[in-house]
Amino acid sequence: MSVITVKRTVMRRTPYRRSLVLRSFRGLTRSYFASEKSWEFAVEALLFAIIAGISAWPIFAAADAVSALLK
């Protein structure tokens, strides 16, 4: 019978180095998404207006039907 031994190496980062890695990643994402925010907002606003218009149409149709029923 043979024994298998598994050793793992754990690399510990100091809080200072970890902070630099996070800062550089945040800086990278901020610079990348800076130009994307305006397009993203415009697309989301357009989609919101379309969904709001589609969902408001049955409400106006129901109000028109109720007013026709009461006349």
PDB file of N, CA and C in Angstrom:
ATOM      1  N   MET A   1       0.843  -1.171   0.000  1.00  0.00           N
ATOM      2  CA  MET A   1       0.000   0.000   0.000  1.00  0.00           C
ATOM      3  C   MET A   1       0.896   1.244   0.000  1.00  0.00           C
ATOM      4  N   SER A   2       0.605   2.201  -0.865  1.00  0.00           N
ATOM      5  CA  SER A   2       1.428   3.407  -0.938  1.00  0.00           C
ATOM      6  C   SER A   2       0.656   4.605  -0.395  1.00  0.00           C
ATOM      7  N   VAL A   3       1.382   5.555   0.110  1.00  0.00           N
ATOM      8  CA  VAL A   3       0.795   6.765   0.692  1.00  0.00           C
ATOM      9  C   VAL A   3       1.072   7.932  -0.251  1.00  0.00           C
ATOM     10  N   ILE A   4       0.027   8.696  -0.526  1.00  0.00           N
ATOM     11  CA  ILE A   4       0.164   9.867  -1.384  1.00  0.00           C
ATOM     12  C   ILE A   4       0.159  11.099  -0.491  1.00  0.00           C
ATOM     13  N   THR A   5       1.171  11.895  -0.612  1.00  0.00           N
ATOM     14  CA  THR A   5       1.259  13.116   0.173  1.00  0.00           C
ATOM     15  C   THR A   5       1.097  14.301  -0.765  1.00  0.00           C
ATOM     16  N   VAL A   6       0.197  15.209  -0.407  1.00  0.00           N
ATOM     17  CA  VAL A   6      -0.050  16.399  -1.217  1.00  0.00           C
ATOM     18  C   VAL A   6       0.401  17.603  -0.422  1.00  0.00           C
ATOM     19  N   LYS A   7       1.278  18.387  -1.023  1.00  0.00           N
ATOM     20  CA  LYS A   7       1.729  19.619  -0.384  1.00  0.00           C
ATOM     21  C   LYS A   7       1.239  20.787  -1.222  1.00  0.00           C
ATOM     22  N   ARG A   8       0.819  21.806  -0.562  1.00  0.00           N
ATOM     23  CA  ARG A   8       0.385  22.991  -1.290  1.00  0.00           C
ATOM     24  C   ARG A   8       1.163  24.189  -0.781  1.00  0.00           C
ATOM     25  N   THR A   9       1.427  25.071  -1.669  1.00  0.00           N
ATOM     26  CA  THR A   9       2.124  26.293  -1.285  1.00  0.00           C
ATOM     27  C   THR A   9       1.101  27.408  -1.219  1.00  0.00           C
ATOM     28  N   VAL A  10       1.106  28.121  -0.140  1.00  0.00           N
ATOM     29  CA  VAL A  10       0.178  29.223   0.058  1.00  0.00           C
ATOM     30  C   VAL A  10       0.972  30.511  -0.001  1.00  0.00           C
ATOM     31  N   MET A  11       0.597  31.348  -0.932  1.00  0.00           N
ATOM     32  CA  MET A  11       1.256  32.645  -1.057  1.00  0.00           C
ATOM     33  C   MET A  11       0.401  33.673  -0.331  1.00  0.00           C
ATOM     34  N   ARG A  12       1.007  34.282   0.627  1.00  0.00           N
ATOM     35  CA  ARG A  12       0.275  35.289   1.391  1.00  0.00           C
ATOM     36  C   ARG A  12       0.675  36.672   0.891  1.00  0.00           C
ATOM     37  N   ARG A  13      -0.340  37.485   0.687  1.00  0.00           N
ATOM     38  CA  ARG A  13      -0.087  38.857   0.269  1.00  0.00           C
ATOM     39  C   ARG A  13      -0.205  39.769   1.469  1.00  0.00           C
ATOM     40  N   THR A  14       0.603  40.754   1.452  1.00  0.00           N
ATOM     41  CA  THR A  14       0.485  41.751   2.510  1.00  0.00           C
ATOM     42  C   THR A  14      -0.685  42.663   2.154  1.00  0.00           C
ATOM     43  N   PRO A  15      -1.295  43.296   3.143  1.00  0.00           N
ATOM     44  CA  PRO A  15      -2.417  44.196   2.839  1.00  0.00           C
ATOM     45  C   PRO A  15      -2.031  45.323   1.883  1.00  0.00           C
ATOM     46  N   TYR A  16      -0.783  45.772   1.946  1.00  0.00           N
ATOM     47  CA  TYR A  16      -0.346  46.858   1.069  1.00  0.00           C
ATOM     48  C   TYR A  16      -0.360  46.420  -0.389  1.00  0.00           C
ATOM     49  N   ARG A  17       0.171  45.266  -0.696  1.00  0.00           N
ATOM     50  CA  ARG A  17       0.207  44.778  -2.076  1.00  0.00           C
ATOM     51  C   ARG A  17      -1.201  44.478  -2.569  1.00  0.00           C
ATOM     52  N   ARG A  18      -2.020  43.957  -1.716  1.00  0.00           N
ATOM     53  CA  ARG A  18      -3.400  43.650  -2.081  1.00  0.00           C
ATOM     54  C   ARG A  18      -4.140  44.927  -2.449  1.00  0.00           C
ATOM     55  N   SER A  19      -3.897  45.979  -1.682  1.00  0.00           N
ATOM     56  CA  SER A  19      -4.532  47.259  -1.949  1.00  0.00           C
ATOM     57  C   SER A  19      -4.096  47.813  -3.300  1.00  0.00           C
ATOM     58  N   LEU A  20      -2.834  47.664  -3.639  1.00  0.00           N
ATOM     59  CA  LEU A  20      -2.359  48.146  -4.947  1.00  0.00           C
ATOM     60  C   LEU A  20      -3.004  47.382  -6.085  1.00  0.00           C
ATOM     61  N   VAL A  21      -3.187  46.092  -5.920  1.00  0.00           N
ATOM     62  CA  VAL A  21      -3.819  45.297  -6.965  1.00  0.00           C
ATOM     63  C   VAL A  21      -5.257  45.743  -7.157  1.00  0.00           C
ATOM     64  N   LEU A  22      -5.978  45.946  -6.065  1.00  0.00           N
ATOM     65  CA  LEU A  22      -7.368  46.389  -6.176  1.00  0.00           C
ATOM     66  C   LEU A  22      -7.461  47.783  -6.778  1.00  0.00           C
ATOM     67  N   ARG A  23      -6.567  48.661  -6.389  1.00  0.00           N
ATOM     68  CA  ARG A  23      -6.601  50.021  -6.939  1.00  0.00           C
ATOM     69  C   ARG A  23      -6.327  50.014  -8.439  1.00  0.00           C
ATOM     70  N   SER A  24      -5.375  49.228  -8.866  1.00  0.00           N
ATOM     71  CA  SER A  24      -5.067  49.209 -10.290  1.00  0.00           C
ATOM     72  C   SER A  24      -6.228  48.609 -11.082  1.00  0.00           C
ATOM     73  N   PHE A  25      -6.897  47.598 -10.531  1.00  0.00           N
ATOM     74  CA  PHE A  25      -8.042  47.013 -11.214  1.00  0.00           C
ATOM     75  C   PHE A  25      -9.187  48.013 -11.279  1.00  0.00           C
ATOM     76  N   ARG A  26      -9.419  48.731 -10.183  1.00  0.00           N
ATOM     77  CA  ARG A  26     -10.475  49.760 -10.187  1.00  0.00           C
ATOM     78  C   ARG A  26     -10.171  50.856 -11.194  1.00  0.00           C
ATOM     79  N   GLY A  27      -8.926  51.276 -11.243  1.00  0.00           N
ATOM     80  CA  GLY A  27      -8.543  52.299 -12.214  1.00  0.00           C
ATOM     81  C   GLY A  27      -8.746  51.830 -13.640  1.00  0.00           C
ATOM     82  N   LEU A  28      -8.417  50.583 -13.892  1.00  0.00           N
ATOM     83  CA  LEU A  28      -8.595  50.020 -15.224  1.00  0.00           C
ATOM     84  C   LEU A  28     -10.070  49.975 -15.603  1.00  0.00           C
ATOM     85  N   THR A  29     -10.915  49.526 -14.699  1.00  0.00           N
ATOM     86  CA  THR A  29     -12.343  49.439 -15.013  1.00  0.00           C
ATOM     87  C   THR A  29     -12.966  50.818 -15.137  1.00  0.00           C
ATOM     88  N   ARG A  30     -12.533  51.764 -14.323  1.00  0.00           N
ATOM     89  CA  ARG A  30     -13.081  53.122 -14.436  1.00  0.00           C
ATOM     90  C   ARG A  30     -12.749  53.740 -15.783  1.00  0.00           C
ATOM     91  N   SER A  31     -11.522  53.569 -16.221  1.00  0.00           N
ATOM     92  CA  SER A  31     -11.145  54.160 -17.504  1.00  0.00           C
ATOM     93  C   SER A  31     -11.839  53.453 -18.663  1.00  0.00           C
ATOM     94  N   TYR A  32     -12.072  52.160 -18.525  1.00  0.00           N
ATOM     95  CA  TYR A  32     -12.736  51.418 -19.601  1.00  0.00           C
ATOM     96  C   TYR A  32     -14.213  51.771 -19.684  1.00  0.00           C
ATOM     97  N   PHE A  33     -14.892  51.834 -18.537  1.00  0.00           N
ATOM     98  CA  PHE A  33     -16.323  52.066 -18.536  1.00  0.00           C
ATOM     99  C   PHE A  33     -16.702  53.542 -18.552  1.00  0.00           C
ATOM    100  N   ALA A  34     -15.748  54.444 -18.547  1.00  0.00           N
ATOM    101  CA  ALA A  34     -16.063  55.880 -18.564  1.00  0.00           C
ATOM    102  C   ALA A  34     -16.831  56.247 -19.823  1.00  0.00           C
ATOM    103  N   SER A  35     -16.421  55.732 -20.953  1.00  0.00           N
ATOM    104  CA  SER A  35     -17.115  56.045 -22.202  1.00  0.00           C
ATOM    105  C   SER A  35     -18.365  55.185 -22.374  1.00  0.00           C
ATOM    106  N   GLU A  36     -18.429  54.073 -21.693  1.00  0.00           N
ATOM    107  CA  GLU A  36     -19.571  53.179 -21.839  1.00  0.00           C
ATOM    108  C   GLU A  36     -20.786  53.671 -21.065  1.00  0.00           C
ATOM    109  N   LYS A  37     -20.588  54.489 -20.039  1.00  0.00           N
ATOM    110  CA  LYS A  37     -21.701  54.916 -19.186  1.00  0.00           C
ATOM    111  C   LYS A  37     -22.741  55.711 -19.961  1.00  0.00           C
ATOM    112  N   SER A  38     -22.312  56.617 -20.818  1.00  0.00           N
ATOM    113  CA  SER A  38     -23.271  57.448 -21.538  1.00  0.00           C
ATOM    114  C   SER A  38     -24.101  56.608 -22.505  1.00  0.00           C
ATOM    115  N   TRP A  39     -23.459  55.686 -23.211  1.00  0.00           N
ATOM    116  CA  TRP A  39     -24.206  54.812 -24.120  1.00  0.00           C
ATOM    117  C   TRP A  39     -25.129  53.886 -23.359  1.00  0.00           C
ATOM    118  N   GLU A  40     -24.649  53.370 -22.254  1.00  0.00           N
ATOM    119  CA  GLU A  40     -25.462  52.462 -21.451  1.00  0.00           C
ATOM    120  C   GLU A  40     -26.695  53.184 -20.917  1.00  0.00           C
ATOM    121  N   PHE A  41     -26.520  54.432 -20.451  1.00  0.00           N
ATOM    122  CA  PHE A  41     -27.648  55.195 -19.944  1.00  0.00           C
ATOM    123  C   PHE A  41     -28.651  55.487 -21.055  1.00  0.00           C
ATOM    124  N   ALA A  42     -28.174  55.841 -22.230  1.00  0.00           N
ATOM    125  CA  ALA A  42     -29.076  56.150 -23.339  1.00  0.00           C
ATOM    126  C   ALA A  42     -29.875  54.921 -23.765  1.00  0.00           C
ATOM    127  N   VAL A  43     -29.221  53.781 -23.829  1.00  0.00           N
ATOM    128  CA  VAL A  43     -29.920  52.549 -24.215  1.00  0.00           C
ATOM    129  C   VAL A  43     -30.938  52.159 -23.158  1.00  0.00           C
ATOM    130  N   GLU A  44     -30.547  52.249 -21.878  1.00  0.00           N
ATOM    131  CA  GLU A  44     -31.483  51.897 -20.816  1.00  0.00           C
ATOM    132  C   GLU A  44     -32.661  52.858 -20.751  1.00  0.00           C
ATOM    133  N   ALA A  45     -32.429  54.148 -20.986  1.00  0.00           N
ATOM    134  CA  ALA A  45     -33.520  55.121 -20.996  1.00  0.00           C
ATOM    135  C   ALA A  45     -34.481  54.843 -22.148  1.00  0.00           C
ATOM    136  N   LEU A  46     -33.944  54.493 -23.294  1.00  0.00           N
ATOM    137  CA  LEU A  46     -34.795  54.167 -24.435  1.00  0.00           C
ATOM    138  C   LEU A  46     -35.624  52.915 -24.171  1.00  0.00           C
ATOM    139  N   LEU A  47     -34.985  51.892 -23.629  1.00  0.00           N
ATOM    140  CA  LEU A  47     -35.719  50.664 -23.303  1.00  0.00           C
ATOM    141  C   LEU A  47     -36.779  50.907 -22.234  1.00  0.00           C
ATOM    142  N   PHE A  48     -36.470  51.752 -21.249  1.00  0.00           N
ATOM    143  CA  PHE A  48     -37.454  52.084 -20.222  1.00  0.00           C
ATOM    144  C   PHE A  48     -38.649  52.810 -20.832  1.00  0.00           C
ATOM    145  N   ALA A  49     -38.397  53.743 -21.741  1.00  0.00           N
ATOM    146  CA  ALA A  49     -39.495  54.466 -22.378  1.00  0.00           C
ATOM    147  C   ALA A  49     -40.366  53.521 -23.209  1.00  0.00           C
ATOM    148  N   ILE A  50     -39.749  52.580 -23.901  1.00  0.00           N
ATOM    149  CA  ILE A  50     -40.521  51.612 -24.694  1.00  0.00           C
ATOM    150  C   ILE A  50     -41.368  50.734 -23.791  1.00  0.00           C
ATOM    151  N   ILE A  51     -40.782  50.226 -22.717  1.00  0.00           N
ATOM    152  CA  ILE A  51     -41.537  49.357 -21.793  1.00  0.00           C
ATOM    153  C   ILE A  51     -42.644  50.140 -21.100  1.00  0.00           C
ATOM    154  N   ALA A  52     -42.372  51.384 -20.701  1.00  0.00           N
ATOM    155  CA  ALA A  52     -43.400  52.204 -20.057  1.00  0.00           C
ATOM    156  C   ALA A  52     -44.549  52.495 -21.022  1.00  0.00           C
ATOM    157  N   GLY A  53     -44.214  52.772 -22.281  1.00  0.00           N
ATOM    158  CA  GLY A  53     -45.265  53.023 -23.273  1.00  0.00           C
ATOM    159  C   GLY A  53     -46.111  51.782 -23.535  1.00  0.00           C
ATOM    160  N   ILE A  54     -45.461  50.643 -23.637  1.00  0.00           N
ATOM    161  CA  ILE A  54     -46.203  49.402 -23.870  1.00  0.00           C
ATOM    162  C   ILE A  54     -47.086  49.051 -22.684  1.00  0.00           C
ATOM    163  N   SER A  55     -46.591  49.277 -21.480  1.00  0.00           N
ATOM    164  CA  SER A  55     -47.396  48.932 -20.305  1.00  0.00           C
ATOM    165  C   SER A  55     -48.481  49.966 -20.015  1.00  0.00           C
ATOM    166  N   ALA A  56     -48.319  51.208 -20.474  1.00  0.00           N
ATOM    167  CA  ALA A  56     -49.335  52.233 -20.235  1.00  0.00           C
ATOM    168  C   ALA A  56     -50.499  52.111 -21.213  1.00  0.00           C
ATOM    169  N   TRP A  57     -50.272  51.533 -22.358  1.00  0.00           N
ATOM    170  CA  TRP A  57     -51.333  51.417 -23.366  1.00  0.00           C
ATOM    171  C   TRP A  57     -52.562  50.651 -22.861  1.00  0.00           C
ATOM    172  N   PRO A  58     -52.451  49.501 -22.218  1.00  0.00           N
ATOM    173  CA  PRO A  58     -53.647  48.813 -21.721  1.00  0.00           C
ATOM    174  C   PRO A  58     -54.385  49.598 -20.639  1.00  0.00           C
ATOM    175  N   ILE A  59     -53.652  50.382 -19.855  1.00  0.00           N
ATOM    176  CA  ILE A  59     -54.314  51.186 -18.817  1.00  0.00           C
ATOM    177  C   ILE A  59     -55.183  52.247 -19.458  1.00  0.00           C
ATOM    178  N   PHE A  60     -54.680  52.929 -20.480  1.00  0.00           N
ATOM    179  CA  PHE A  60     -55.487  53.933 -21.180  1.00  0.00           C
ATOM    180  C   PHE A  60     -56.655  53.283 -21.919  1.00  0.00           C
ATOM    181  N   ALA A  61     -56.438  52.108 -22.481  1.00  0.00           N
ATOM    182  CA  ALA A  61     -57.522  51.410 -23.168  1.00  0.00           C
ATOM    183  C   ALA A  61     -58.610  50.999 -22.169  1.00  0.00           C
ATOM    184  N   ALA A  62     -58.214  50.568 -20.986  1.00  0.00           N
ATOM    185  CA  ALA A  62     -59.199  50.193 -19.966  1.00  0.00           C
ATOM    186  C   ALA A  62     -59.957  51.419 -19.464  1.00  0.00           C
ATOM    187  N   ALA A  63     -59.277  52.527 -19.284  1.00  0.00           N
ATOM    188  CA  ALA A  63     -59.951  53.757 -18.861  1.00  0.00           C
ATOM    189  C   ALA A  63     -60.928  54.227 -19.921  1.00  0.00           C
ATOM    190  N   ASP A  64     -60.579  54.113 -21.189  1.00  0.00           N
ATOM    191  CA  ASP A  64     -61.479  54.479 -22.272  1.00  0.00           C
ATOM    192  C   ASP A  64     -62.704  53.563 -22.295  1.00  0.00           C
ATOM    193  N   ALA A  65     -62.485  52.273 -22.051  1.00  0.00           N
ATOM    194  CA  ALA A  65     -63.598  51.321 -22.020  1.00  0.00           C
ATOM    195  C   ALA A  65     -64.523  51.603 -20.861  1.00  0.00           C
ATOM    196  N   VAL A  66     -63.980  51.972 -19.712  1.00  0.00           N
ATOM    197  CA  VAL A  66     -64.825  52.293 -18.543  1.00  0.00           C
ATOM    198  C   VAL A  66     -65.609  53.568 -18.808  1.00  0.00           C
ATOM    199  N   SER A  67     -64.977  54.551 -19.420  1.00  0.00           N
ATOM    200  CA  SER A  67     -65.710  55.794 -19.702  1.00  0.00           C
ATOM    201  C   SER A  67     -66.798  55.548 -20.743  1.00  0.00           C
ATOM    202  N   ALA A  68     -66.577  54.686 -21.701  1.00  0.00           N
ATOM    203  CA  ALA A  68     -67.603  54.353 -22.681  1.00  0.00           C
ATOM    204  C   ALA A  68     -68.736  53.569 -22.029  1.00  0.00           C
ATOM    205  N   LEU A  69     -68.428  52.737 -21.063  1.00  0.00           N
ATOM    206  CA  LEU A  69     -69.453  51.960 -20.354  1.00  0.00           C
ATOM    207  C   LEU A  69     -70.333  52.865 -19.513  1.00  0.00           C
ATOM    208  N   LEU A  70     -69.750  53.883 -18.894  1.00  0.00           N
ATOM    209  CA  LEU A  70     -70.523  54.778 -18.039  1.00  0.00           C
ATOM    210  C   LEU A  70     -71.381  55.759 -18.813  1.00  0.00           C
ATOM    211  N   LYS A  71     -71.126  55.975 -20.098  1.00  0.00           N
ATOM    212  CA  LYS A  71     -71.933  56.913 -20.902  1.00  0.00           C
ATOM    213  C   LYS A  71     -73.220  56.311 -21.334  1.00  0.00           C
TER     214      LYS A  71
END
